[in-house]
Amino acid sequence: MLGSYDEAVADTPDGAVVLVGGFGMAGMPVELIDALIRQGATDLTVVSNNAGNGDTGLAALLAAKRVRKVVCSFPRQSDSWVFDGLYRAGEIELEVVPQGNLAERMRAAGAGIGAFYSPTGVGTPLAEGKETREIDGRTYVLEHPIRGDLALVKAHVADRMGNLVYRKTARNFGPVMATAATTSIVQVDRVVETGRLDPEVIVTPSIYVDRIVPADVLETQEESS
């Protein structure tokens, strides 16, 4: 475990590919993103389910002009005004990936799979320029893994080894992102002693987790500031 969110992201380089967990705001690692804003890394490529909500979390990172490109499945919604403004002004790049393909491309990276064929997107602009193949009478498009330099993930509970349990829809994307990044950083609501978690409920094994910051660290930081 680490002593602060800032320490957890301190070595993030400019130009990094950052996988940001969350299903909208559910499971978004807001405190880690805020620390990344303070850290100052720029020219980032962010991979996330959507392109930010309101003015907090990922949207705040976009507003700080630290992101060069967003890879996501759902870039526009009622409160995605930060991304929308940047995109319309030509200040940010966008790669749209269907949601299932997005998750599977990261899962493939974590599993060491070189590429895979998917039927999703065939015959649409999303498949333009990609290899296609007919298998059992159906057309598929070749998709390649998405690997991250860094994954920022939020989990509900961790043990001291780094085994993770998520809460409801916060589980979306976090588990595959943790496997697909060179360095996986996790903020958690609480940490328990090793052996306290039922092995049957562990979603992300500790082997995929590099750094953990428990929520009570934020409380300590605020009290000392």
Protein backbone atom coordinates (compact mmCIF):
# COMPACT_ATOMS: atom_id res chain seq x y z
CA MET A 1 0.00 0.00 0.00
CA LEU A 2 1.06 3.59 -0.65
CA GLY A 3 0.78 6.67 1.52
CA SER A 4 -0.97 9.00 -0.94
CA TYR A 5 -2.72 9.23 -4.28
CA ASP A 6 -0.02 11.62 -5.47
CA GLU A 7 2.69 9.08 -4.69
CA ALA A 8 0.77 6.42 -6.62
CA VAL A 9 0.82 8.36 -9.92
CA ALA A 10 4.04 10.31 -9.44
CA ASP A 11 5.99 8.48 -12.17
CA THR A 12 3.37 8.79 -14.93
CA PRO A 13 5.20 9.93 -18.10
CA ASP A 14 3.96 12.29 -20.78
CA GLY A 15 2.36 10.39 -23.65
CA ALA A 16 1.22 7.48 -21.49
CA VAL A 17 -1.77 5.31 -22.35
CA VAL A 18 -4.01 5.45 -19.28
CA LEU A 19 -6.88 2.99 -18.77
CA VAL A 20 -9.51 4.66 -16.58
CA GLY A 21 -12.06 2.41 -14.91
CA GLY A 22 -15.69 3.16 -14.27
CA PHE A 23 -19.12 2.83 -15.83
CA GLY A 24 -19.94 6.50 -15.96
CA MET A 25 -19.26 7.70 -12.43
CA ALA A 26 -19.83 4.23 -10.95
CA GLY A 27 -16.38 2.97 -10.10
CA MET A 28 -14.52 5.98 -11.47
CA PRO A 29 -11.25 6.47 -9.53
CA VAL A 30 -11.80 10.21 -9.02
CA GLU A 31 -9.10 10.73 -6.38
CA LEU A 32 -6.47 9.04 -8.54
CA ILE A 33 -7.50 11.17 -11.51
CA ASP A 34 -7.26 14.32 -9.39
CA ALA A 35 -3.76 13.26 -8.36
CA LEU A 36 -2.84 12.74 -12.02
CA ILE A 37 -4.01 16.28 -12.76
CA ARG A 38 -1.77 17.61 -9.97
CA GLN A 39 1.11 15.46 -11.23
CA GLY A 40 1.04 17.21 -14.61
CA ALA A 41 1.56 14.44 -17.20
CA THR A 42 0.27 15.54 -20.61
CA ASP A 43 -0.29 14.26 -24.16
CA LEU A 44 -2.12 11.29 -22.65
CA THR A 45 -4.25 8.71 -24.41
CA VAL A 46 -7.18 7.79 -22.18
CA VAL A 47 -9.14 4.56 -22.60
CA SER A 48 -12.47 4.53 -20.79
CA ASN A 49 -16.08 3.49 -21.26
CA ASN A 50 -17.19 7.08 -21.76
CA ALA A 51 -15.63 10.52 -22.16
CA GLY A 52 -16.34 12.02 -18.77
CA ASN A 53 -19.28 13.26 -16.73
CA GLY A 54 -19.92 16.83 -15.64
CA ASP A 55 -16.78 18.60 -14.45
CA THR A 56 -15.23 15.99 -12.15
CA GLY A 57 -13.01 12.95 -12.55
CA LEU A 58 -12.15 12.20 -16.17
CA ALA A 59 -13.93 15.37 -17.33
CA ALA A 60 -11.61 17.43 -15.12
CA LEU A 61 -8.57 15.73 -16.68
CA LEU A 62 -9.90 16.61 -20.13
CA ALA A 63 -10.61 20.20 -19.08
CA ALA A 64 -7.00 20.52 -17.91
CA LYS A 65 -5.95 19.87 -21.55
CA ARG A 66 -3.82 16.88 -20.57
CA VAL A 67 -5.42 14.38 -22.97
CA ARG A 68 -4.52 14.07 -26.64
CA LYS A 69 -6.86 11.20 -27.51
CA VAL A 70 -9.86 9.40 -26.00
CA VAL A 71 -10.69 5.78 -26.84
CA CYS A 72 -14.19 4.96 -25.63
CA SER A 73 -17.54 3.44 -26.53
CA PHE A 74 -19.88 6.22 -25.40
CA PRO A 75 -18.42 9.71 -26.00
CA ARG A 76 -21.61 11.77 -25.83
CA GLN A 77 -24.29 12.06 -23.18
CA SER A 78 -26.19 14.85 -21.47
CA ASP A 79 -23.33 15.80 -19.14
CA SER A 80 -20.32 15.24 -21.44
CA TRP A 81 -19.98 18.93 -22.28
CA VAL A 82 -16.25 19.10 -21.58
CA PHE A 83 -15.35 16.46 -24.15
CA ASP A 84 -17.98 17.76 -26.57
CA GLY A 85 -16.49 21.25 -26.51
CA LEU A 86 -12.93 20.01 -26.98
CA TYR A 87 -13.90 17.70 -29.82
CA ARG A 88 -15.88 20.35 -31.69
CA ALA A 89 -12.92 22.70 -31.35
CA GLY A 90 -10.57 20.08 -32.81
CA GLU A 91 -8.54 19.95 -29.61
CA ILE A 92 -8.88 16.22 -28.92
CA GLU A 93 -8.91 13.00 -30.95
CA LEU A 94 -11.55 10.29 -30.62
CA GLU A 95 -11.57 6.58 -31.39
CA VAL A 96 -14.99 4.99 -30.92
CA VAL A 97 -14.92 1.30 -30.04
CA PRO A 98 -18.10 -0.76 -29.48
CA GLN A 99 -18.46 -1.52 -25.79
CA GLY A 100 -18.01 -5.29 -26.03
CA ASN A 101 -15.01 -4.91 -28.32
CA LEU A 102 -13.50 -2.37 -25.94
CA ALA A 103 -13.70 -4.77 -23.01
CA GLU A 104 -12.50 -7.72 -25.09
CA ARG A 105 -9.55 -5.82 -26.56
CA MET A 106 -8.30 -5.11 -23.05
CA ARG A 107 -9.03 -8.65 -21.91
CA ALA A 108 -7.02 -9.91 -24.90
CA ALA A 109 -4.09 -7.73 -23.84
CA GLY A 110 -4.16 -9.22 -20.36
CA ALA A 111 -4.45 -12.76 -21.69
CA GLY A 112 -1.60 -12.40 -24.17
CA ILE A 113 -3.85 -12.81 -27.22
CA GLY A 114 -2.40 -11.27 -30.38
CA ALA A 115 -5.75 -10.39 -32.00
CA PHE A 116 -9.27 -11.76 -32.34
CA TYR A 117 -12.18 -11.69 -34.78
CA SER A 118 -15.46 -10.02 -33.79
CA PRO A 119 -18.73 -9.58 -35.71
CA THR A 120 -19.41 -6.23 -34.03
CA GLY A 121 -18.92 -3.27 -36.33
CA VAL A 122 -18.86 -5.23 -39.58
CA GLY A 123 -20.25 -3.15 -42.44
CA THR A 124 -19.97 0.13 -40.51
CA PRO A 125 -17.37 2.94 -40.58
CA LEU A 126 -15.86 1.40 -37.42
CA ALA A 127 -14.56 -1.50 -39.53
CA GLU A 128 -13.03 0.60 -42.30
CA GLY A 129 -9.40 -0.28 -42.98
CA LYS A 130 -9.54 -3.40 -40.82
CA GLU A 131 -9.02 -6.96 -41.95
CA THR A 132 -12.18 -9.05 -42.29
CA ARG A 133 -12.70 -12.78 -42.56
CA GLU A 134 -15.64 -15.06 -43.19
CA ILE A 135 -16.04 -17.85 -40.62
CA ASP A 136 -18.90 -20.35 -40.90
CA GLY A 137 -20.72 -18.05 -43.27
CA ARG A 138 -20.47 -14.93 -41.10
CA THR A 139 -18.16 -11.93 -41.58
CA TYR A 140 -15.87 -10.89 -38.75
CA VAL A 141 -13.47 -7.98 -38.31
CA LEU A 142 -10.00 -8.34 -36.81
CA GLU A 143 -9.48 -6.43 -33.58
CA HIS A 144 -6.17 -5.90 -31.77
CA PRO A 145 -5.51 -5.68 -28.03
CA ILE A 146 -5.48 -2.41 -26.13
CA ARG A 147 -2.57 -2.24 -23.70
CA GLY A 148 -2.08 0.50 -21.14
CA ASP A 149 0.99 1.93 -19.49
CA LEU A 150 -1.17 2.66 -16.48
CA ALA A 151 -4.57 1.53 -15.20
CA LEU A 152 -6.48 3.65 -12.70
CA VAL A 153 -9.09 1.46 -11.05
CA LYS A 154 -11.51 1.78 -8.14
CA ALA A 155 -12.46 -1.28 -6.09
CA HIS A 156 -14.60 -1.72 -3.00
CA VAL A 157 -12.41 -3.90 -0.79
CA ALA A 158 -8.83 -5.16 -1.03
CA ASP A 159 -6.77 -7.35 1.23
CA ARG A 160 -3.17 -6.50 2.01
CA MET A 161 -1.95 -8.74 -0.82
CA GLY A 162 -3.99 -6.74 -3.34
CA ASN A 163 -6.85 -9.14 -4.08
CA LEU A 164 -9.88 -7.05 -5.11
CA VAL A 165 -13.65 -7.11 -4.71
CA TYR A 166 -15.79 -4.58 -6.59
CA ARG A 167 -19.23 -3.13 -5.88
CA LYS A 168 -21.99 -3.73 -8.45
CA THR A 169 -21.55 -1.82 -11.76
CA ALA A 170 -18.24 -0.45 -10.51
CA ARG A 171 -16.96 -3.87 -11.54
CA ASN A 172 -17.40 -3.00 -15.24
CA PHE A 173 -14.03 -2.50 -16.96
CA GLY A 174 -11.92 -2.42 -13.78
CA PRO A 175 -11.01 -6.13 -13.84
CA VAL A 176 -9.95 -6.20 -17.52
CA MET A 177 -8.07 -2.92 -17.19
CA ALA A 178 -6.08 -4.23 -14.24
CA THR A 179 -4.83 -7.11 -16.39
CA ALA A 180 -4.07 -4.98 -19.46
CA ALA A 181 -1.74 -2.36 -17.97
CA THR A 182 1.95 -2.40 -17.19
CA THR A 183 1.18 -0.74 -13.85
CA SER A 184 -2.22 -1.11 -12.16
CA ILE A 185 -3.09 1.41 -9.46
CA VAL A 186 -6.20 0.85 -7.35
CA GLN A 187 -8.03 3.08 -4.91
CA VAL A 188 -10.22 1.13 -2.52
CA ASP A 189 -12.87 1.95 0.05
CA ARG A 190 -11.20 -0.23 2.67
CA VAL A 191 -8.43 -2.76 3.20
CA VAL A 192 -8.75 -5.95 5.23
CA GLU A 193 -6.18 -8.40 6.46
CA THR A 194 -5.06 -11.12 4.07
CA GLY A 195 -7.31 -14.14 4.47
CA ARG A 196 -10.43 -12.14 5.34
CA LEU A 197 -11.80 -12.21 1.78
CA ASP A 198 -13.65 -15.29 0.64
CA PRO A 199 -11.63 -16.60 -2.34
CA GLU A 200 -14.93 -17.24 -4.15
CA VAL A 201 -15.74 -13.50 -4.27
CA ILE A 202 -12.31 -12.20 -5.34
CA VAL A 203 -12.59 -10.75 -8.84
CA THR A 204 -9.07 -9.42 -9.50
CA PRO A 205 -6.22 -11.53 -8.11
CA SER A 206 -3.36 -9.65 -6.48
CA ILE A 207 -0.92 -10.65 -9.21
CA TYR A 208 -2.50 -7.95 -11.40
CA VAL A 209 -2.32 -5.19 -8.80
CA ASP A 210 0.81 -3.09 -8.37
CA ARG A 211 -0.26 -0.24 -6.08
CA ILE A 212 -3.13 0.27 -3.63
CA VAL A 213 -4.27 3.46 -1.94
CA PRO A 214 -7.01 3.00 0.70
CA ALA A 215 -9.74 5.63 1.11
CA ASP A 216 -8.69 6.47 4.67
CA VAL A 217 -5.51 7.95 3.22
CA LEU A 218 -7.66 10.76 1.77
CA GLU A 219 -9.17 11.41 5.20
CA THR A 220 -5.69 11.62 6.71
CA GLN A 221 -4.51 14.01 3.99
CA GLU A 222 -7.51 16.30 4.50
CA GLU A 223 -7.04 16.35 8.27
CA SER A 224 -3.39 17.34 7.91
CA SER A 225 -3.99 20.05 5.29
